[in-house]
N, C-alpha and C. Protein backbone atom coordinates (compact mmCIF):
# COMPACT_ATOMS: atom_id res chain seq x y z
N UNK A 1 -1.50 5.31 -8.66
CA UNK A 1 -3.06 5.38 -8.51
C UNK A 1 -3.28 4.31 -9.24
N UNK A 2 -3.46 4.26 -10.78
CA UNK A 2 -4.27 3.30 -11.60
C UNK A 2 -3.33 1.91 -11.24
N UNK A 3 -2.88 1.54 -10.39
CA UNK A 3 -2.57 -0.15 -9.59
C UNK A 3 -3.18 -0.18 -8.83
N UNK A 4 -3.61 0.99 -8.28
CA UNK A 4 -5.17 0.80 -6.73
C UNK A 4 -6.37 0.42 -7.16
N UNK A 5 -6.03 1.28 -8.29
CA UNK A 5 -8.08 1.33 -9.03
C UNK A 5 -8.12 -0.23 -9.81
N UNK A 6 -6.83 -0.54 -10.63
CA UNK A 6 -7.03 -1.79 -10.87
C UNK A 6 -7.06 -3.47 -10.15
N UNK A 7 -6.75 -2.54 -8.89
CA UNK A 7 -6.99 -3.91 -8.15
C UNK A 7 -8.17 -3.90 -7.29
N UNK A 8 -9.05 -2.36 -7.11
CA UNK A 8 -10.20 -2.67 -6.66
C UNK A 8 -11.07 -3.15 -7.33
N UNK A 9 -10.87 -3.26 -8.62
CA UNK A 9 -11.42 -3.47 -9.66
C UNK A 9 -11.66 -4.92 -9.88
N UNK A 10 -10.51 -5.17 -9.78
CA UNK A 10 -9.96 -7.03 -10.44
C UNK A 10 -10.32 -7.79 -8.92
N UNK A 11 -10.41 -7.08 -8.05
CA UNK A 11 -10.39 -7.79 -6.59
C UNK A 11 -12.05 -7.91 -5.88
N UNK A 12 -12.08 -7.95 -5.14
CA UNK A 12 -13.08 -8.57 -4.54
C UNK A 12 -14.61 -7.52 -4.26
N UNK A 13 -13.66 -6.48 -4.21
CA UNK A 13 -14.96 -5.24 -4.67
C UNK A 13 -15.75 -5.51 -5.49
N UNK A 14 -15.05 -5.04 -6.60
CA UNK A 14 -15.85 -4.79 -7.66
C UNK A 14 -16.51 -6.38 -8.70
N UNK A 15 -15.18 -6.59 -8.96
CA UNK A 15 -15.17 -8.32 -10.10
C UNK A 15 -16.14 -9.14 -8.70
N UNK A 16 -15.95 -9.46 -7.24
CA UNK A 16 -16.37 -10.35 -6.70
C UNK A 16 -17.50 -10.17 -6.18
N UNK A 17 -18.14 -8.73 -6.61
CA UNK A 17 -19.31 -8.55 -6.76
C UNK A 17 -20.48 -8.87 -7.50
N UNK A 18 -19.73 -8.22 -8.73
CA UNK A 18 -20.72 -9.23 -10.08
C UNK A 18 -20.02 -9.90 -10.34
N UNK A 19 -19.76 -11.04 -10.46
CA UNK A 19 -19.61 -12.47 -11.14
C UNK A 19 -18.94 -12.90 -9.36
N UNK A 20 -19.19 -13.41 -8.38
CA UNK A 20 -18.95 -14.04 -7.43
C UNK A 20 -18.46 -15.49 -7.27
N UNK A 21 -19.22 -16.07 -8.37
CA UNK A 21 -18.39 -17.69 -8.54
C UNK A 21 -17.72 -17.64 -9.57
N UNK A 22 -17.30 -16.61 -9.89
CA UNK A 22 -16.26 -16.62 -11.09
C UNK A 22 -14.69 -16.33 -10.43
N UNK A 23 -15.35 -15.31 -9.21
CA UNK A 23 -14.62 -14.24 -8.88
C UNK A 23 -13.54 -15.59 -7.71
N UNK A 24 -14.46 -16.41 -7.04
CA UNK A 24 -14.33 -17.37 -5.76
C UNK A 24 -13.10 -18.63 -6.58
N UNK A 25 -14.04 -19.22 -7.72
CA UNK A 25 -12.77 -20.22 -8.77
C UNK A 25 -11.84 -19.68 -9.42
N UNK A 26 -11.35 -18.05 -9.75
CA UNK A 26 -10.38 -17.22 -9.77
C UNK A 26 -9.63 -17.67 -8.47
N UNK A 27 -10.21 -16.92 -7.98
CA UNK A 27 -9.11 -16.19 -6.53
C UNK A 27 -8.72 -17.55 -5.24
N UNK A 28 -9.37 -18.86 -6.19
CA UNK A 28 -9.67 -19.83 -4.76
C UNK A 28 -8.14 -19.63 -3.58
N UNK A 29 -8.80 -19.53 -2.86
CA UNK A 29 -7.52 -19.58 -1.73
C UNK A 29 -7.67 -20.69 -0.31
N UNK A 30 -6.64 -21.62 -0.31
CA UNK A 30 -6.89 -22.06 0.40
C UNK A 30 -5.52 -22.49 1.26
N UNK A 31 -4.96 -22.43 2.35
CA UNK A 31 -4.04 -22.23 3.63
C UNK A 31 -3.23 -22.56 2.24
N UNK A 32 -2.73 -23.74 1.62
CA UNK A 32 -1.55 -24.02 0.60
C UNK A 32 -1.96 -22.56 -0.37
N UNK A 33 -2.72 -22.17 -0.94
CA UNK A 33 -2.52 -21.15 -2.46
C UNK A 33 -2.34 -19.69 -1.21
N UNK A 34 -2.28 -19.64 0.19
CA UNK A 34 -2.44 -17.90 0.68
C UNK A 34 -1.27 -18.03 0.99
N UNK A 35 -0.46 -19.02 1.15
CA UNK A 35 1.00 -19.24 1.92
C UNK A 35 2.05 -19.26 0.30
N UNK A 36 1.84 -19.47 -0.84
CA UNK A 36 2.07 -18.91 -2.59
C UNK A 36 2.21 -17.74 -2.15
N UNK A 37 0.32 -17.40 -2.16
CA UNK A 37 0.71 -16.12 -2.44
C UNK A 37 1.65 -14.92 -1.15
N UNK A 38 1.11 -15.31 -0.61
CA UNK A 38 2.14 -14.24 0.69
C UNK A 38 3.59 -14.31 0.23
N UNK A 39 4.20 -16.00 -0.19
CA UNK A 39 5.76 -15.34 -0.87
C UNK A 39 5.60 -15.15 -1.93
N UNK A 40 4.65 -15.41 -2.74
CA UNK A 40 5.18 -14.41 -4.46
C UNK A 40 5.10 -13.00 -3.69
N UNK A 41 4.31 -12.47 -3.18
CA UNK A 41 3.96 -11.08 -2.76
C UNK A 41 5.52 -10.43 -1.84
N UNK A 42 6.05 -11.08 -1.02
CA UNK A 42 6.77 -10.69 -0.24
C UNK A 42 8.32 -10.35 -1.44
N UNK A 43 8.30 -12.18 -2.83
CA UNK A 43 9.86 -11.93 -3.32
C UNK A 43 9.71 -10.90 -4.31
N UNK A 44 8.22 -10.81 -4.62
CA UNK A 44 8.43 -9.49 -5.67
C UNK A 44 8.50 -8.11 -5.42
N UNK A 45 8.22 -7.52 -3.95
CA UNK A 45 8.41 -6.44 -3.04
C UNK A 45 9.71 -6.89 -3.30
N UNK A 46 10.66 -7.74 -2.89
CA UNK A 46 11.32 -7.81 -2.51
C UNK A 46 12.73 -7.65 -3.59
N UNK A 47 12.38 -7.64 -5.31
CA UNK A 47 13.08 -7.89 -6.33
C UNK A 47 13.33 -6.22 -6.91
N UNK A 48 11.31 -5.87 -6.56
CA UNK A 48 11.56 -4.56 -6.68
C UNK A 48 12.61 -3.15 -5.86
N UNK A 49 12.18 -3.58 -4.56
CA UNK A 49 12.97 -2.99 -3.98
C UNK A 49 14.61 -3.28 -4.59
N UNK A 50 15.03 -4.33 -4.52
CA UNK A 50 16.74 -4.60 -5.47
C UNK A 50 17.30 -3.55 -6.44
N UNK A 51 15.85 -3.87 -7.32
CA UNK A 51 16.21 -3.31 -8.68
C UNK A 51 16.01 -1.32 -8.59
N UNK A 52 15.23 -1.11 -7.76
CA UNK A 52 15.29 0.14 -7.36
C UNK A 52 16.62 0.70 -6.43
N UNK A 53 17.41 0.30 -5.93
CA UNK A 53 18.37 0.24 -4.90
C UNK A 53 19.76 -0.16 -6.88
N UNK A 54 19.37 -0.93 -6.80
CA UNK A 54 20.54 -0.83 -8.07
C UNK A 54 20.47 0.89 -9.11
N UNK A 55 19.30 1.15 -9.17
CA UNK A 55 19.47 2.77 -9.56
C UNK A 55 19.84 3.75 -8.97
N UNK A 56 20.03 3.36 -7.93
CA UNK A 56 20.77 4.39 -6.27
C UNK A 56 21.97 4.96 -6.93
N UNK A 57 22.32 6.66 -7.51
CA UNK A 57 23.78 6.82 -7.22
C UNK A 57 24.40 7.16 -5.98
N UNK A 58 25.06 6.52 -5.33
CA UNK A 58 25.72 7.12 -3.67
C UNK A 58 26.34 7.99 -4.21
N UNK A 59 27.23 8.18 -5.35
CA UNK A 59 28.13 9.64 -5.26
C UNK A 59 27.04 11.25 -5.06
N UNK A 60 26.15 10.65 -5.90
CA UNK A 60 25.40 12.23 -5.47
C UNK A 60 24.19 12.44 -4.48
N UNK A 61 24.44 11.26 -3.03
CA UNK A 61 24.12 11.71 -1.76
C UNK A 61 25.04 12.27 -1.00
N UNK A 62 25.94 12.80 -1.35
CA UNK A 62 26.74 13.97 -0.69
C UNK A 62 25.72 15.20 -1.47
N UNK A 63 25.46 15.24 -2.91
CA UNK A 63 25.09 16.64 -2.85
C UNK A 63 23.83 16.91 -2.83
N UNK A 64 23.30 15.88 -2.53
CA UNK A 64 22.08 16.24 -2.89
C UNK A 64 21.09 15.75 -1.60
N UNK A 65 21.55 15.27 0.00
CA UNK A 65 21.63 14.52 0.35
C UNK A 65 20.79 14.91 1.64
N UNK A 66 20.31 15.83 2.04
CA UNK A 66 20.04 16.97 2.93
C UNK A 66 18.20 17.43 2.47
N UNK A 67 18.57 17.52 0.73
CA UNK A 67 17.17 17.77 0.06
C UNK A 67 16.63 16.35 0.03
N UNK A 68 17.36 15.01 0.11
CA UNK A 68 16.94 13.95 -0.62
C UNK A 68 16.14 13.69 0.77
N UNK A 69 17.05 13.97 1.74
CA UNK A 69 16.47 13.38 2.96
C UNK A 69 14.72 14.14 3.53
N UNK A 70 15.07 14.90 3.10
CA UNK A 70 13.43 16.43 3.87
C UNK A 70 12.30 15.99 2.88
N UNK A 71 13.14 15.33 1.40
CA UNK A 71 12.44 15.45 0.55
C UNK A 71 11.40 13.79 1.07
N UNK A 72 12.12 12.63 1.19
CA UNK A 72 11.77 11.47 2.00
C UNK A 72 10.52 11.67 3.21
N UNK A 73 11.38 12.33 3.56
CA UNK A 73 10.63 12.49 5.24
C UNK A 73 9.26 13.13 4.67
N UNK A 74 9.01 14.42 4.05
CA UNK A 74 7.66 14.49 3.91
C UNK A 74 6.72 13.79 3.05
N UNK A 75 7.48 13.42 2.13
CA UNK A 75 6.70 12.24 1.19
C UNK A 75 6.27 10.59 1.99
N UNK A 76 6.57 10.86 3.10
CA UNK A 76 6.22 9.56 3.83
C UNK A 76 5.59 9.86 4.55
N UNK A 77 5.50 11.05 5.79
CA UNK A 77 4.86 11.27 7.01
C UNK A 77 3.94 12.34 6.53
N UNK A 78 3.82 12.89 5.53
CA UNK A 78 2.17 13.74 4.91
C UNK A 78 1.16 13.03 4.37
N UNK A 79 1.95 11.76 3.67
CA UNK A 79 0.66 10.45 3.55
C UNK A 79 0.00 9.93 4.62
N UNK A 80 0.72 9.74 5.80
CA UNK A 80 0.77 9.19 6.80
C UNK A 80 -0.31 9.76 7.52
N UNK A 81 0.23 11.23 7.95
CA UNK A 81 -0.67 11.76 8.50
C UNK A 81 -2.16 11.88 7.82
N UNK A 82 -2.24 12.02 7.03
CA UNK A 82 -3.44 12.82 5.57
C UNK A 82 -4.34 11.80 6.43
N UNK A 83 -3.76 10.33 5.93
CA UNK A 83 -4.48 8.87 6.05
C UNK A 83 -5.42 9.06 7.34
N UNK A 84 -4.58 9.58 8.62
CA UNK A 84 -4.91 9.27 9.49
C UNK A 84 -6.18 10.75 10.11
N UNK A 85 -5.80 11.39 9.67
CA UNK A 85 -6.36 12.52 9.85
C UNK A 85 -7.49 12.17 8.90
N UNK A 86 -8.01 11.60 7.62
CA UNK A 86 -9.20 11.38 7.09
C UNK A 86 -9.79 9.93 7.98
N UNK A 87 -9.19 9.31 8.42
CA UNK A 87 -10.12 8.08 9.37
C UNK A 87 -10.87 9.14 10.08
N UNK A 88 -10.02 9.87 10.95
CA UNK A 88 -11.16 10.84 11.71
C UNK A 88 -11.66 11.33 11.78
N UNK A 89 -11.89 12.39 10.96
CA UNK A 89 -12.96 13.06 10.02
C UNK A 89 -13.97 12.71 9.81
N UNK A 90 -13.58 11.00 9.04
CA UNK A 90 -15.15 10.39 9.14
C UNK A 90 -16.00 10.14 9.94
N UNK A 91 -17.00 10.05 10.35
CA UNK A 91 -17.62 9.79 11.52
C UNK A 91 -17.43 8.18 12.09
N UNK A 92 -17.06 8.18 13.24
CA UNK A 92 -16.83 6.56 13.61
C UNK A 92 -17.62 5.68 12.75
N UNK A 93 -18.62 6.10 12.89
CA UNK A 93 -19.43 4.30 12.71
C UNK A 93 -19.69 4.17 11.21
N UNK A 94 -18.96 5.55 10.45
CA UNK A 94 -18.21 5.36 8.68
C UNK A 94 -17.65 3.73 8.82
N UNK A 95 -16.70 3.06 9.95
CA UNK A 95 -15.85 2.35 9.73
C UNK A 95 -16.50 1.33 10.03
N UNK A 96 -17.44 0.74 10.68
CA UNK A 96 -17.83 -0.29 10.85
C UNK A 96 -17.31 -0.72 12.48
N UNK A 97 -18.35 -1.30 13.14
CA UNK A 97 -17.85 -2.40 14.20
C UNK A 97 -16.56 -2.86 14.58
N UNK A 98 -16.06 -3.56 13.72
CA UNK A 98 -14.91 -4.18 13.98
C UNK A 98 -13.89 -3.35 13.96
N UNK A 99 -13.91 -1.87 13.67
CA UNK A 99 -12.36 -1.28 13.80
C UNK A 99 -12.68 -0.47 14.63
N UNK A 100 -13.32 -0.67 16.04
CA UNK A 100 -13.51 0.67 17.06
C UNK A 100 -12.58 0.38 18.35
N UNK A 101 -12.50 -1.26 18.07
CA UNK A 101 -11.37 -1.43 19.46
C UNK A 101 -10.23 -0.96 19.10
N UNK A 102 -9.52 -0.55 18.02
CA UNK A 102 -8.24 -0.46 17.77
C UNK A 102 -8.55 0.96 16.75
N UNK A 103 -9.14 1.52 16.96
CA UNK A 103 -9.57 2.89 16.29
C UNK A 103 -7.80 3.61 15.69
N UNK A 104 -7.29 3.92 16.31
CA UNK A 104 -6.10 4.72 16.25
C UNK A 104 -5.18 3.71 14.65
N UNK A 105 -5.04 2.29 15.78
CA UNK A 105 -3.99 1.36 14.84
C UNK A 105 -4.51 1.36 13.29
N UNK A 106 -5.94 1.45 13.23
CA UNK A 106 -7.14 1.41 11.80
C UNK A 106 -6.84 2.92 11.48
N UNK A 107 -6.27 3.56 11.69
CA UNK A 107 -5.87 5.08 11.30
C UNK A 107 -4.71 5.33 10.82
N UNK A 108 -3.50 4.54 11.60
CA UNK A 108 -2.38 4.30 11.00
C UNK A 108 -2.24 3.35 10.17
N UNK A 109 -3.40 2.53 9.91
CA UNK A 109 -2.55 1.22 9.16
C UNK A 109 -3.36 2.00 7.30
N UNK A 110 -4.26 2.79 7.60
CA UNK A 110 -4.72 3.67 5.75
C UNK A 110 -3.28 4.60 6.10
N UNK A 111 -2.66 5.33 7.37
CA UNK A 111 -2.20 6.39 6.66
C UNK A 111 -0.68 5.64 6.36
N UNK A 112 -0.42 4.48 6.52
CA UNK A 112 0.74 3.71 5.94
C UNK A 112 0.37 3.20 4.71
N UNK A 113 -0.82 3.22 3.90
CA UNK A 113 -1.05 2.39 2.78
C UNK A 113 -0.69 3.49 1.95
N UNK A 114 -1.39 4.55 2.12
CA UNK A 114 -1.41 5.74 1.44
C UNK A 114 -0.15 5.88 1.39
N UNK A 115 0.61 6.37 1.86
CA UNK A 115 2.12 6.28 2.23
C UNK A 115 3.15 4.96 1.00
N UNK A 116 2.58 4.09 1.66
CA UNK A 116 3.18 3.33 0.58
C UNK A 116 2.48 2.88 -1.47
N UNK A 117 1.54 3.30 -1.47
CA UNK A 117 1.00 3.38 -2.52
C UNK A 117 1.67 4.63 -3.51
N UNK A 118 2.35 5.16 -3.02
CA UNK A 118 3.74 6.10 -3.53
C UNK A 118 5.39 5.11 -4.17
N UNK A 119 5.52 4.08 -3.73
CA UNK A 119 6.69 3.08 -3.81
C UNK A 119 6.95 3.26 -5.32
N UNK A 120 5.99 2.95 -5.92
CA UNK A 120 6.49 2.72 -7.96
C UNK A 120 6.42 3.91 -8.15
N UNK A 121 5.83 5.19 -7.84
CA UNK A 121 6.01 6.42 -8.71
C UNK A 121 7.75 7.15 -8.00
N UNK A 122 8.02 6.87 -6.77
CA UNK A 122 8.90 7.44 -5.88
C UNK A 122 10.42 6.42 -6.61
N UNK A 123 10.08 5.16 -7.15
CA UNK A 123 11.27 4.02 -8.22
C UNK A 123 11.09 5.01 -9.61
N UNK A 124 9.69 4.75 -9.46
CA UNK A 124 10.01 5.66 -11.16
C UNK A 124 10.74 6.76 -11.67
N UNK A 125 11.33 7.52 -11.06
CA UNK A 125 11.69 9.18 -10.65
C UNK A 125 12.82 9.25 -11.04
């Protein structure tokens, strides 16, 4: 949760609002920069998943396999459901006109982001 809040504070939401010139200079975006940024994000996630995989002990799988599968399913499907539900609970006008054409896709996007934000916590366990 701290990573998400830090991203909101240091990203365009707050930092960009308070210091727009400094934000545009610091987070300069051109096609070349965007390609490098996207590649580094994917590479970082790949390393993260690799290191997490190194910590998995497959001999424990036969002992705790069903419990682990249940916890994994609930830990994934519950945040997705909560995210979709929150989008539908808010008035449709709250989300803006751009979202209205693909509202269910947007709701799934929010739910998937809630489920994905738990990856560092799951990996640390």
